[in-house]
Amino acid sequence: MNAIELTPTAIIQNSILSSVYIDDKIVEPFTEKNATNEQYYNVSQGLFNSFRGAKKTIDFYRYNKNWNDDVDYIFKNRDLLILDWQLDDTQALKQPETLKILKKAVQTDNLHFVSIYTESKNLDEILYSIKAYFDNSFNKESQNACEVMLEALEAELGIDTLKLFRAHDKFFFQLALTTGELKQTKLNELKSKIQNELGNNYRIFMQGLKKVNIDLTKACDVLGYYVHEEPLFDDLDYPTEVKTDYIADNFIVVNHTIIQVTSKNNPEPKDLFDFFTNAIQKVAGNLLTLISLEVRGLLRESSGFVGKDADLIKDEILFHQLDKKEAFIEFLMSIIKSHTISYFDHKQGKLKSVTAAFWNIYKKDKNLEASIDSFSKDEVQILAEIKKLNVYYNILHIQKYSGSALRFGDIFFTVDQNGKRDGRFFLCVTAHCDCLNPKENIKNNFFFVGGNTGDINKLIKEGDGVFCSYIKNDTGVSAVNWNPKPVIINIPDSKIYDNKLVGKDGLQNQYTLVYHSTLKENYTQRMANNSFAHAMRVGIDFASL
């Protein structure tokens, strides 16, 4: 195997097949260059040459206000989006339309890489705007809490408190773009400065801050956005996780989308593809990501294989089988799925990232020997990473669209009449075929198992013998311990709208189920087997002393 083929950069480059560049001033590379369009022509021509030289395709889309009409063309089957920041013919750093395009990009499952390509030199301001926009903590409620706090302080101090906090704008700005211990250090410094200025009124500040967000770090980030006059769009309708670990390299990660902010002056357009793919390995260069990127490429190949021989089969036989075989469409999907998996099994020897040679080169290049040795002796760190690994093992990362049907493996939490979580979880263990036809097959009586969060460290140490699932929550990872006793909930309408279902059990207790995530099939089947075996247990009596 060629050593060049074994580099993380090569795997990342191989995973990027289709890209699109969006700019409001695009001049396509095959149009005639003249004195008026030369600057923008050179950018497009340089990008085209950069991708063409790497044997990749790139399309060009001239931004207009009706871009939403072309979302399929812009996003479908794209691997990389290159996006100009200033799309409104100004040099302003606040760019709401660009953020709306980013919102759609983050929602697009197949699109993992975004390069913000900008003429602005102030890259940190752009990163800050992206963070503020995607921070779920920044909303109308938290913004109002900031205003109430400032009004309370103003009433006590008799001064313009917004002006007082604006003096610390730079500190708030830096705080939002740092992570880990450094963030906590900066937070403590900021609190100390404000305490010195407010004196006895510092308590009003702290009380108000807790109403902005119970997590003081998040509360200070939100106050910083408010002070910095970041616009509140409040149009983000899905949960986000924003990571700023690689801000120093001009990267920000939103959910699973890696966004890099790059100047149009450095690198030059002709060097962008190599520059981006070399830089991206800092963020996407861990082993599991590299393996996933290679696997995605192989699945693309296998999806092409699925259709072979399909054109030889007459439509009439499909309609014949549709009448003859119950749940024929579901059966047909299982056949297509097995084609894909069989091809993948047959071809997985092509994967470079799972070879011993690649792992050895990777370990050597990353100088991991010492850190692996240190890690193996640190139980706290091992447990922290096992939690994340177990989520990866057992949870499908899918988003339910409005109107999705309840399916085998769906996990829900319950809320009370006030919409507050009551601590219970429910896992659907109803058979696939019954989920497809619930009214006919089961009279809308769905089987679930219920559970509550347990001691995650204890459950991990007990290993595979426990019946639990590992799920993400707002603060990290939780382990849900499932009770084997099956629960039957009658759900008249099993379509999920606004992530919710409503049903009743046999005692007429009402349940409001809120969709959380979906457990992988084999993990769900294990819980189902345990539950139905519990339902079939037989009690007997013997004489005793």
Protein backbone atom coordinates (compact mmCIF):
# COMPACT_ATOMS: atom_id res chain seq x y z
CA MET A 1 0.00 0.00 0.00
CA ASN A 2 1.34 3.40 -1.00
CA ALA A 3 2.39 5.48 2.05
CA ILE A 4 0.80 8.60 0.50
CA GLU A 5 -2.57 6.82 0.51
CA LEU A 6 -2.27 6.24 4.26
CA THR A 7 -2.31 9.90 5.37
CA PRO A 8 -5.33 11.44 7.12
CA THR A 9 -5.25 14.30 4.59
CA ALA A 10 -5.55 11.81 1.70
CA ILE A 11 -8.62 10.21 3.33
CA ILE A 12 -10.23 13.63 3.88
CA GLN A 13 -9.48 14.66 0.28
CA ASN A 14 -10.93 11.39 -1.06
CA SER A 15 -14.13 12.01 0.93
CA ILE A 16 -14.77 15.38 -0.74
CA LEU A 17 -16.25 14.62 -4.16
CA SER A 18 -18.81 17.37 -4.71
CA SER A 19 -18.48 21.02 -3.61
CA VAL A 20 -20.33 24.26 -4.21
CA TYR A 21 -19.19 27.89 -3.93
CA ILE A 22 -21.78 30.58 -3.08
CA ASP A 23 -21.06 34.29 -3.57
CA ASP A 24 -23.16 37.28 -4.56
CA LYS A 25 -20.46 38.46 -6.98
CA ILE A 26 -19.55 35.17 -8.63
CA VAL A 27 -18.23 35.31 -12.17
CA GLU A 28 -18.17 31.75 -13.51
CA PRO A 29 -14.73 30.60 -14.68
CA PHE A 30 -15.72 30.03 -18.30
CA THR A 31 -17.18 33.48 -18.90
CA GLU A 32 -15.12 36.21 -20.58
CA LYS A 33 -12.81 38.15 -18.27
CA ASN A 34 -12.85 41.93 -18.50
CA ALA A 35 -11.74 44.96 -16.47
CA THR A 36 -15.07 45.06 -14.59
CA ASN A 37 -15.24 41.43 -13.47
CA GLU A 38 -11.53 40.58 -13.26
CA GLN A 39 -11.29 40.45 -9.44
CA TYR A 40 -14.21 38.03 -9.04
CA TYR A 41 -13.33 36.07 -12.17
CA ASN A 42 -9.87 35.38 -10.72
CA VAL A 43 -11.40 34.01 -7.51
CA SER A 44 -13.71 31.63 -9.41
CA GLN A 45 -11.02 30.57 -11.86
CA GLY A 46 -8.58 29.97 -9.00
CA LEU A 47 -11.09 27.83 -7.11
CA PHE A 48 -11.93 25.87 -10.24
CA ASN A 49 -8.22 25.18 -10.88
CA SER A 50 -7.66 24.25 -7.22
CA PHE A 51 -10.41 21.60 -7.31
CA ARG A 52 -9.75 20.49 -10.86
CA GLY A 53 -6.10 19.90 -9.97
CA ALA A 54 -7.25 17.61 -7.15
CA LYS A 55 -9.63 15.81 -9.59
CA LYS A 56 -12.69 17.14 -7.75
CA THR A 57 -15.82 18.87 -8.97
CA ILE A 58 -17.01 22.29 -7.82
CA ASP A 59 -20.19 24.12 -8.82
CA PHE A 60 -20.77 27.87 -8.65
CA TYR A 61 -23.96 29.49 -7.34
CA ARG A 62 -24.58 33.24 -7.52
CA TYR A 63 -26.39 34.19 -4.34
CA ASN A 64 -29.80 35.84 -4.54
CA LYS A 65 -32.61 36.40 -2.03
CA ASN A 66 -34.52 33.41 -3.41
CA TRP A 67 -31.75 30.90 -2.66
CA ASN A 68 -34.28 28.82 -0.69
CA ASP A 69 -35.85 27.81 -4.00
CA ASP A 70 -32.58 26.08 -4.93
CA VAL A 71 -31.80 24.22 -1.69
CA ASP A 72 -31.67 20.82 -3.42
CA TYR A 73 -29.10 22.06 -5.91
CA ILE A 74 -27.04 23.82 -3.21
CA PHE A 75 -26.99 21.14 -0.52
CA LYS A 76 -27.99 17.73 -1.87
CA ASN A 77 -25.07 15.26 -2.00
CA ARG A 78 -22.52 18.01 -1.28
CA ASP A 79 -19.46 17.30 0.83
CA LEU A 80 -18.09 20.84 1.07
CA LEU A 81 -19.78 24.25 1.01
CA ILE A 82 -17.58 27.29 0.30
CA LEU A 83 -19.51 30.37 1.35
CA ASP A 84 -18.71 34.05 1.01
CA TRP A 85 -19.48 35.83 4.31
CA GLN A 86 -20.64 39.18 2.91
CA LEU A 87 -23.63 38.30 0.73
CA ASP A 88 -25.43 41.64 0.85
CA ASP A 89 -22.98 43.74 -1.18
CA THR A 90 -21.59 45.38 1.97
CA GLN A 91 -18.52 44.92 4.16
CA ALA A 92 -20.66 44.64 7.34
CA LEU A 93 -19.68 41.85 9.72
CA LYS A 94 -23.27 41.08 10.77
CA GLN A 95 -24.63 38.89 7.98
CA PRO A 96 -28.07 37.37 8.74
CA GLU A 97 -28.53 35.77 5.30
CA THR A 98 -25.18 33.97 5.53
CA LEU A 99 -26.17 32.62 8.95
CA LYS A 100 -29.45 31.32 7.53
CA ILE A 101 -27.53 29.40 4.84
CA LEU A 102 -25.26 28.01 7.58
CA LYS A 103 -28.34 26.95 9.53
CA LYS A 104 -29.47 24.86 6.56
CA ALA A 105 -25.94 23.48 6.07
CA VAL A 106 -25.76 22.26 9.68
CA GLN A 107 -29.15 20.54 9.23
CA THR A 108 -27.91 18.69 6.13
CA ASP A 109 -26.68 15.24 7.19
CA ASN A 110 -24.34 14.64 4.26
CA LEU A 111 -22.63 18.05 4.47
CA HIS A 112 -19.80 17.95 7.03
CA PHE A 113 -17.43 20.66 5.83
CA VAL A 114 -17.96 24.40 5.37
CA SER A 115 -15.38 27.00 4.42
CA ILE A 116 -16.35 30.63 5.03
CA TYR A 117 -14.29 32.46 2.42
CA THR A 118 -14.17 36.17 3.20
CA GLU A 119 -12.49 39.43 2.28
CA SER A 120 -12.74 40.53 5.92
CA LYS A 121 -9.59 40.40 8.04
CA ASN A 122 -11.57 40.18 11.28
CA LEU A 123 -12.05 36.42 11.37
CA ASP A 124 -12.70 36.29 15.14
CA GLU A 125 -15.76 38.55 14.75
CA ILE A 126 -17.19 36.12 12.20
CA LEU A 127 -16.52 33.14 14.48
CA TYR A 128 -18.19 35.02 17.35
CA SER A 129 -21.28 35.77 15.24
CA ILE A 130 -21.55 32.08 14.27
CA LYS A 131 -21.24 31.01 17.92
CA ALA A 132 -23.89 33.51 19.07
CA TYR A 133 -26.31 32.44 16.34
CA PHE A 134 -26.01 28.71 17.07
CA ASP A 135 -25.96 29.04 20.88
CA ASN A 136 -29.33 27.68 22.06
CA SER A 137 -28.86 29.60 25.34
CA PHE A 138 -29.24 32.90 23.44
CA ASN A 139 -33.00 33.31 23.06
CA LYS A 140 -35.81 35.76 23.86
CA GLU A 141 -36.10 34.52 27.43
CA SER A 142 -32.39 34.92 28.21
CA GLN A 143 -32.26 38.27 26.38
CA ASN A 144 -35.18 39.55 28.50
CA ALA A 145 -33.39 38.31 31.64
CA CYS A 146 -30.34 40.40 30.64
CA GLU A 147 -32.55 43.49 30.25
CA VAL A 148 -34.24 42.93 33.64
CA MET A 149 -30.86 42.55 35.36
CA LEU A 150 -29.49 45.74 33.80
CA GLU A 151 -32.65 47.67 34.77
CA ALA A 152 -32.37 46.42 38.39
CA LEU A 153 -28.73 47.53 38.56
CA GLU A 154 -29.52 50.87 36.95
CA ALA A 155 -32.23 51.52 39.55
CA GLU A 156 -29.70 50.96 42.34
CA LEU A 157 -26.68 52.68 40.80
CA GLY A 158 -28.34 55.47 38.85
CA ILE A 159 -25.94 55.01 35.94
CA ASP A 160 -26.04 53.53 32.43
CA THR A 161 -25.19 49.91 33.33
CA LEU A 162 -25.06 48.81 29.69
CA LYS A 163 -22.20 51.28 29.23
CA LEU A 164 -20.53 49.81 32.34
CA PHE A 165 -20.64 46.30 30.87
CA ARG A 166 -19.57 47.49 27.43
CA ALA A 167 -16.27 48.48 29.02
CA HIS A 168 -15.74 44.73 29.42
CA ASP A 169 -16.89 43.87 25.88
CA LYS A 170 -13.47 42.56 24.85
CA PHE A 171 -13.36 40.32 27.93
CA PHE A 172 -16.84 38.89 27.21
CA PHE A 173 -15.75 38.35 23.60
CA GLN A 174 -12.64 36.38 24.57
CA LEU A 175 -14.58 34.38 27.15
CA ALA A 176 -17.05 33.13 24.53
CA LEU A 177 -14.24 31.89 22.27
CA THR A 178 -12.28 29.96 24.91
CA THR A 179 -12.82 26.50 26.42
CA GLY A 180 -11.82 24.31 29.33
CA GLU A 181 -9.75 25.58 32.25
CA LEU A 182 -8.83 28.81 30.45
CA LYS A 183 -12.54 29.68 30.13
CA GLN A 184 -13.06 29.15 33.86
CA THR A 185 -10.00 31.31 34.64
CA LYS A 186 -11.29 34.12 32.40
CA LEU A 187 -14.76 33.81 33.96
CA ASN A 188 -13.31 34.20 37.46
CA GLU A 189 -11.31 37.25 36.33
CA LEU A 190 -14.40 38.84 34.79
CA LYS A 191 -16.53 38.23 37.89
CA SER A 192 -13.78 39.73 40.08
CA LYS A 193 -13.59 42.89 37.92
CA ILE A 194 -17.37 43.36 37.98
CA GLN A 195 -17.53 42.71 41.73
CA ASN A 196 -14.96 45.46 42.34
CA GLU A 197 -17.06 47.89 40.28
CA LEU A 198 -20.49 46.98 41.68
CA GLY A 199 -19.55 46.53 45.34
CA ASN A 200 -22.60 45.51 47.40
CA ASN A 201 -24.76 45.51 44.27
CA TYR A 202 -22.78 42.53 42.95
CA ARG A 203 -25.46 40.27 44.45
CA ILE A 204 -28.04 41.80 42.05
CA PHE A 205 -25.71 40.95 39.18
CA MET A 206 -25.29 37.34 40.32
CA GLN A 207 -29.01 36.86 40.97
CA GLY A 208 -29.83 38.26 37.55
CA LEU A 209 -27.14 36.17 35.87
CA LYS A 210 -28.67 32.96 37.28
CA LYS A 211 -31.98 33.92 35.65
CA VAL A 212 -30.19 34.32 32.31
CA ASN A 213 -28.89 30.75 32.65
CA ILE A 214 -28.28 28.51 35.64
CA ASP A 215 -24.86 27.72 34.13
CA LEU A 216 -22.89 30.92 34.85
CA THR A 217 -20.49 30.31 31.97
CA LYS A 218 -23.38 30.16 29.49
CA ALA A 219 -25.03 33.15 31.21
CA CYS A 220 -21.90 35.27 30.74
CA ASP A 221 -21.69 34.22 27.08
CA VAL A 222 -25.30 35.34 26.58
CA LEU A 223 -24.70 38.63 28.40
CA GLY A 224 -21.67 39.12 26.14
CA TYR A 225 -23.79 38.66 23.01
CA TYR A 226 -26.26 41.20 24.37
CA VAL A 227 -23.54 43.73 25.22
CA HIS A 228 -21.85 43.15 21.84
CA GLU A 229 -25.20 43.78 20.13
CA GLU A 230 -25.34 40.44 18.37
CA PRO A 231 -28.71 40.24 16.61
CA LEU A 232 -31.18 37.74 18.05
CA PHE A 233 -32.86 35.90 15.17
CA ASP A 234 -34.55 33.29 17.38
CA ASP A 235 -35.21 31.14 14.31
CA LEU A 236 -33.04 28.17 15.29
CA ASP A 237 -35.52 25.30 15.57
CA TYR A 238 -33.18 22.44 16.44
CA PRO A 239 -30.78 21.69 19.32
CA THR A 240 -27.11 22.52 18.77
CA GLU A 241 -23.78 21.77 20.35
CA VAL A 242 -21.12 24.39 19.59
CA LYS A 243 -17.45 23.52 20.11
CA THR A 244 -14.76 26.19 20.17
CA ASP A 245 -11.74 23.97 20.88
CA TYR A 246 -10.10 24.90 17.56
CA ILE A 247 -10.87 28.63 17.47
CA ALA A 248 -7.13 29.38 17.37
CA ASP A 249 -7.06 27.66 13.96
CA ASN A 250 -10.21 29.55 12.85
CA PHE A 251 -12.48 26.51 13.16
CA ILE A 252 -15.81 26.22 14.95
CA VAL A 253 -17.82 22.98 15.10
CA VAL A 254 -21.64 23.05 15.21
CA ASN A 255 -23.11 19.60 15.87
CA HIS A 256 -21.23 17.52 13.26
CA THR A 257 -20.50 20.35 10.82
CA ILE A 258 -16.94 21.66 10.76
CA ILE A 259 -16.78 25.35 9.79
CA GLN A 260 -13.51 27.07 8.90
CA VAL A 261 -13.22 30.82 8.38
CA THR A 262 -10.60 31.70 5.78
CA SER A 263 -9.38 34.94 4.24
CA LYS A 264 -9.59 35.33 0.46
CA ASN A 265 -6.10 36.84 0.56
CA ASN A 266 -4.44 33.86 2.27
CA PRO A 267 -4.58 31.27 0.84
CA GLU A 268 -5.09 32.31 -2.74
CA PRO A 269 -8.08 30.64 -4.44
CA LYS A 270 -5.85 28.28 -6.43
CA ASP A 271 -4.53 26.81 -3.17
CA LEU A 272 -7.79 26.60 -1.23
CA PHE A 273 -8.53 22.87 -1.63
CA ASP A 274 -5.11 21.75 -0.37
CA PHE A 275 -5.12 24.41 2.35
CA PHE A 276 -8.57 23.42 3.61
CA THR A 277 -8.02 19.65 3.58
CA ASN A 278 -4.65 19.95 5.31
CA ALA A 279 -6.10 22.23 7.98
CA ILE A 280 -9.25 20.15 8.52
CA GLN A 281 -7.34 17.14 9.83
CA LYS A 282 -6.70 19.08 13.06
CA VAL A 283 -10.43 18.94 13.70
CA ALA A 284 -11.60 15.88 11.75
CA GLY A 285 -8.39 13.90 11.91
CA ASN A 286 -9.17 11.47 14.75
CA LEU A 287 -9.38 7.78 13.90
CA LEU A 288 -13.15 7.28 14.14
CA THR A 289 -13.86 10.31 11.94
CA LEU A 290 -11.37 9.15 9.32
CA ILE A 291 -12.88 5.64 9.34
CA SER A 292 -16.39 7.14 9.04
CA LEU A 293 -15.35 9.30 6.07
CA GLU A 294 -13.90 6.27 4.27
CA VAL A 295 -16.95 4.16 5.05
CA ARG A 296 -19.22 6.88 3.64
CA GLY A 297 -17.32 6.71 0.36
CA LEU A 298 -17.71 2.94 0.24
CA LEU A 299 -21.44 3.22 0.95
CA ARG A 300 -21.71 5.61 -1.99
CA GLU A 301 -20.25 2.89 -4.18
CA SER A 302 -22.55 0.26 -2.71
CA SER A 303 -25.65 2.40 -3.33
CA GLY A 304 -24.75 2.32 -7.04
CA PHE A 305 -24.51 -1.46 -6.87
CA VAL A 306 -28.03 -1.82 -5.36
CA GLY A 307 -29.80 -1.08 -8.66
CA LYS A 308 -28.07 -3.81 -10.69
CA ASP A 309 -30.53 -6.28 -12.26
CA ALA A 310 -33.47 -4.16 -11.04
CA ASP A 311 -34.20 -3.01 -14.59
CA LEU A 312 -34.85 -6.65 -15.64
CA ILE A 313 -37.80 -7.05 -13.24
CA LYS A 314 -41.27 -6.13 -14.54
CA ASP A 315 -43.48 -3.68 -12.66
CA GLU A 316 -46.39 -6.15 -12.77
CA ILE A 317 -44.68 -8.63 -10.44
CA LEU A 318 -44.14 -5.90 -7.85
CA PHE A 319 -47.84 -5.04 -7.83
CA HIS A 320 -48.62 -8.79 -7.72
CA GLN A 321 -46.43 -9.19 -4.62
CA LEU A 322 -47.84 -6.02 -3.06
CA ASP A 323 -51.27 -7.71 -3.04
CA LYS A 324 -49.96 -11.13 -1.96
CA LYS A 325 -47.42 -10.26 0.74
CA GLU A 326 -48.19 -8.37 3.93
CA ALA A 327 -45.85 -5.40 4.54
CA PHE A 328 -44.27 -5.95 1.12
CA ILE A 329 -42.69 -2.47 0.96
CA GLU A 330 -40.96 -3.00 4.29
CA PHE A 331 -39.74 -6.40 3.06
CA LEU A 332 -38.48 -4.80 -0.17
CA MET A 333 -36.57 -2.18 1.83
CA SER A 334 -34.94 -4.94 3.88
CA ILE A 335 -33.77 -6.62 0.64
CA ILE A 336 -32.27 -3.36 -0.64
CA LYS A 337 -30.63 -2.80 2.74
CA SER A 338 -29.13 -6.32 2.63
CA HIS A 339 -27.74 -5.59 -0.88
CA THR A 340 -25.99 -2.50 0.47
CA ILE A 341 -24.59 -4.31 3.52
CA SER A 342 -23.48 -7.34 1.48
CA TYR A 343 -21.61 -5.11 -0.98
CA PHE A 344 -20.05 -3.24 1.92
CA ASP A 345 -18.96 -6.53 3.56
CA HIS A 346 -17.50 -7.67 0.25
CA LYS A 347 -15.57 -4.44 -0.37
CA GLN A 348 -14.52 -3.33 3.12
CA GLY A 349 -11.01 -4.67 2.46
CA LYS A 350 -10.57 -1.47 0.40
CA LEU A 351 -10.70 0.66 3.56
CA LYS A 352 -7.23 2.00 4.40
CA SER A 353 -8.08 3.55 7.76
CA VAL A 354 -8.78 0.18 9.46
CA THR A 355 -5.49 -1.46 8.49
CA ALA A 356 -2.76 -2.13 11.05
CA ALA A 357 -0.34 -0.18 8.82
CA PHE A 358 -2.51 2.95 8.94
CA TRP A 359 -2.98 2.74 12.73
CA ASN A 360 0.78 2.33 13.23
CA ILE A 361 1.63 5.29 10.98
CA TYR A 362 -1.12 7.36 12.59
CA LYS A 363 0.17 6.59 16.09
CA LYS A 364 3.73 7.47 15.09
CA ASP A 365 2.80 10.71 13.27
CA LYS A 366 0.65 11.90 16.17
CA ASN A 367 3.27 10.88 18.80
CA LEU A 368 0.59 8.96 20.72
CA GLU A 369 2.75 6.33 22.44
CA ALA A 370 3.27 8.30 25.67
CA SER A 371 -0.32 9.60 25.85
CA ILE A 372 -1.74 6.08 25.29
CA ASP A 373 0.39 4.77 28.15
CA SER A 374 -0.68 7.65 30.43
CA PHE A 375 -4.33 7.26 29.41
CA SER A 376 -4.37 3.54 30.25
CA LYS A 377 -3.50 4.40 33.89
CA ASP A 378 -6.10 7.16 34.32
CA GLU A 379 -9.45 5.57 35.25
CA VAL A 380 -11.31 8.90 35.39
CA GLN A 381 -10.31 9.75 31.82
CA ILE A 382 -11.03 6.20 30.62
CA LEU A 383 -14.57 6.38 32.08
CA ALA A 384 -15.16 9.80 30.48
CA GLU A 385 -14.19 8.50 27.04
CA ILE A 386 -16.08 5.20 27.43
CA LYS A 387 -19.27 7.22 28.01
CA LYS A 388 -18.84 8.98 24.68
CA LEU A 389 -17.86 5.74 22.93
CA ASN A 390 -20.94 3.94 24.24
CA VAL A 391 -23.20 6.70 22.88
CA TYR A 392 -21.50 6.21 19.50
CA TYR A 393 -22.03 2.43 19.78
CA ASN A 394 -25.74 2.43 20.62
CA ILE A 395 -27.42 5.62 19.34
CA LEU A 396 -28.42 6.50 15.78
CA HIS A 397 -27.77 10.17 15.08
CA ILE A 398 -30.96 10.99 13.19
CA GLN A 399 -33.39 13.88 13.28
CA LYS A 400 -37.09 13.09 13.15
CA TYR A 401 -38.93 15.13 10.57
CA SER A 402 -42.42 16.36 11.41
CA GLY A 403 -44.89 13.54 10.72
CA SER A 404 -42.38 10.72 11.20
CA ALA A 405 -43.96 7.48 12.37
CA LEU A 406 -43.14 5.98 15.74
CA ARG A 407 -40.55 3.25 15.16
CA PHE A 408 -38.87 0.33 16.91
CA GLY A 409 -35.98 1.78 18.94
CA ASP A 410 -37.32 5.32 19.44
CA ILE A 411 -36.46 6.71 22.89
CA PHE A 412 -38.70 9.28 24.60
CA PHE A 413 -38.70 11.17 27.87
CA THR A 414 -41.97 12.17 29.54
CA VAL A 415 -43.13 15.60 30.68
CA ASP A 416 -45.88 16.67 33.09
CA GLN A 417 -48.81 19.02 32.43
CA ASN A 418 -46.48 22.01 32.78
CA GLY A 419 -44.04 20.63 30.21
CA LYS A 420 -41.40 19.76 32.84
CA ARG A 421 -39.47 16.52 32.59
CA ASP A 422 -40.45 13.97 35.22
CA GLY A 423 -37.31 11.80 34.97
CA ARG A 424 -38.84 8.85 33.11
CA PHE A 425 -37.74 7.41 29.76
CA PHE A 426 -39.57 5.02 27.41
CA LEU A 427 -38.14 2.85 24.64
CA CYS A 428 -40.44 1.57 21.87
CA VAL A 429 -40.03 -2.21 21.49
CA THR A 430 -43.04 -2.68 19.19
CA ALA A 431 -42.23 -4.82 16.13
CA HIS A 432 -41.43 -2.99 12.87
CA CYS A 433 -44.42 -4.44 11.02
CA ASP A 434 -46.80 -3.38 13.80
CA CYS A 435 -45.38 0.15 13.80
CA LEU A 436 -46.17 0.32 10.07
CA ASN A 437 -49.81 -0.74 10.53
CA PRO A 438 -50.62 0.03 14.17
CA LYS A 439 -54.37 0.46 13.84
CA GLU A 440 -54.94 -2.85 12.06
CA ASN A 441 -52.28 -4.96 13.75
CA ILE A 442 -52.26 -3.81 17.38
CA LYS A 443 -55.21 -1.40 17.70
CA ASN A 444 -52.67 1.37 18.42
CA ASN A 445 -51.45 -0.41 21.58
CA PHE A 446 -47.67 0.04 21.50
CA PHE A 447 -45.17 -1.89 23.62
CA PHE A 448 -42.56 0.12 25.53
CA VAL A 449 -40.08 -0.49 28.31
CA GLY A 450 -39.64 2.24 30.89
CA GLY A 451 -36.47 3.39 32.57
CA ASN A 452 -34.68 5.95 34.68
CA THR A 453 -31.14 7.26 34.70
CA GLY A 454 -28.77 5.23 36.87
CA ASP A 455 -25.23 5.48 38.23
CA ILE A 456 -23.40 5.61 34.92
CA ASN A 457 -19.95 4.75 36.31
CA LYS A 458 -21.36 1.70 38.10
CA LEU A 459 -23.24 0.55 34.99
CA ILE A 460 -20.11 0.88 32.83
CA LYS A 461 -18.12 -1.22 35.28
CA GLU A 462 -20.84 -3.92 35.19
CA GLY A 463 -20.22 -4.21 31.44
CA ASP A 464 -22.48 -5.98 28.94
CA GLY A 465 -24.58 -7.75 31.59
CA VAL A 466 -26.77 -4.71 32.29
CA PHE A 467 -29.83 -3.66 30.29
CA CYS A 468 -29.15 0.02 29.80
CA SER A 469 -28.65 2.59 27.04
CA TYR A 470 -26.21 5.48 26.87
CA ILE A 471 -27.70 8.77 25.69
CA LYS A 472 -26.53 12.38 25.39
CA ASN A 473 -27.98 15.04 27.66
CA ASP A 474 -27.39 18.77 28.21
CA THR A 475 -24.35 18.20 30.41
CA GLY A 476 -22.78 15.07 28.93
CA VAL A 477 -23.87 11.42 28.88
CA SER A 478 -26.49 9.56 30.94
CA ALA A 479 -27.18 5.85 31.32
CA VAL A 480 -30.86 4.79 31.25
CA ASN A 481 -31.49 1.57 33.14
CA TRP A 482 -34.44 -0.22 31.52
CA ASN A 483 -37.06 -2.07 33.57
CA PRO A 484 -37.90 -5.37 31.79
CA LYS A 485 -41.62 -5.13 32.60
CA PRO A 486 -43.38 -4.15 29.33
CA VAL A 487 -45.64 -1.10 29.32
CA ILE A 488 -48.54 -0.84 26.86
CA ILE A 489 -49.48 2.69 25.80
CA ASN A 490 -52.40 3.35 23.46
CA ILE A 491 -51.37 6.07 21.00
CA PRO A 492 -54.24 7.02 18.65
CA ASP A 493 -51.94 8.99 16.31
CA SER A 494 -48.40 7.57 16.13
CA LYS A 495 -47.08 10.33 13.85
CA ILE A 496 -44.54 12.48 15.69
CA TYR A 497 -45.24 16.23 15.46
CA ASP A 498 -43.12 18.81 17.30
CA ASN A 499 -41.19 15.80 18.64
CA LYS A 500 -44.23 14.73 20.71
CA LEU A 501 -46.69 11.85 21.06
CA VAL A 502 -49.67 11.58 23.41
CA GLY A 503 -51.16 8.34 24.74
CA LYS A 504 -52.76 6.51 27.67
CA ASP A 505 -52.06 3.23 29.46
CA GLY A 506 -54.67 0.68 30.57
CA LEU A 507 -55.36 2.65 33.77
CA GLN A 508 -56.08 5.78 31.68
CA ASN A 509 -52.90 7.51 32.89
CA GLN A 510 -51.91 10.04 30.24
CA TYR A 511 -48.39 10.19 28.79
CA THR A 512 -46.79 13.05 26.90
CA LEU A 513 -43.80 11.47 25.19
CA VAL A 514 -41.05 13.75 23.83
CA TYR A 515 -38.70 12.22 21.26
CA HIS A 516 -35.08 12.07 22.42
CA SER A 517 -33.13 9.77 20.08
CA THR A 518 -33.21 6.34 18.44
CA LEU A 519 -31.45 3.23 19.69
CA LYS A 520 -29.74 1.01 17.12
CA GLU A 521 -31.68 -2.08 16.13
CA ASN A 522 -29.56 -4.80 17.73
CA TYR A 523 -29.41 -2.89 21.04
CA THR A 524 -33.20 -2.39 20.96
CA GLN A 525 -33.79 -6.07 20.11
CA ARG A 526 -31.82 -7.07 23.22
CA MET A 527 -34.11 -4.91 25.41
CA ALA A 528 -37.20 -6.29 23.61
CA ASN A 529 -36.09 -9.91 24.13
CA ASN A 530 -35.49 -9.25 27.82
CA SER A 531 -38.87 -7.55 28.19
CA PHE A 532 -40.94 -10.19 26.38
CA ALA A 533 -39.11 -13.00 28.20
CA HIS A 534 -40.09 -11.27 31.44
CA ALA A 535 -43.73 -11.20 30.29
CA MET A 536 -43.64 -14.97 29.62
CA ARG A 537 -42.20 -15.98 32.98
CA VAL A 538 -44.12 -18.74 34.82
CA GLY A 539 -44.62 -18.86 38.58
CA ILE A 540 -44.64 -22.23 40.39
CA ASP A 541 -44.96 -23.44 43.99
CA PHE A 542 -43.06 -26.16 45.87
CA ALA A 543 -43.43 -27.32 49.43
CA SER A 544 -40.75 -25.94 51.73
CA LEU A 545 -39.53 -26.59 55.23
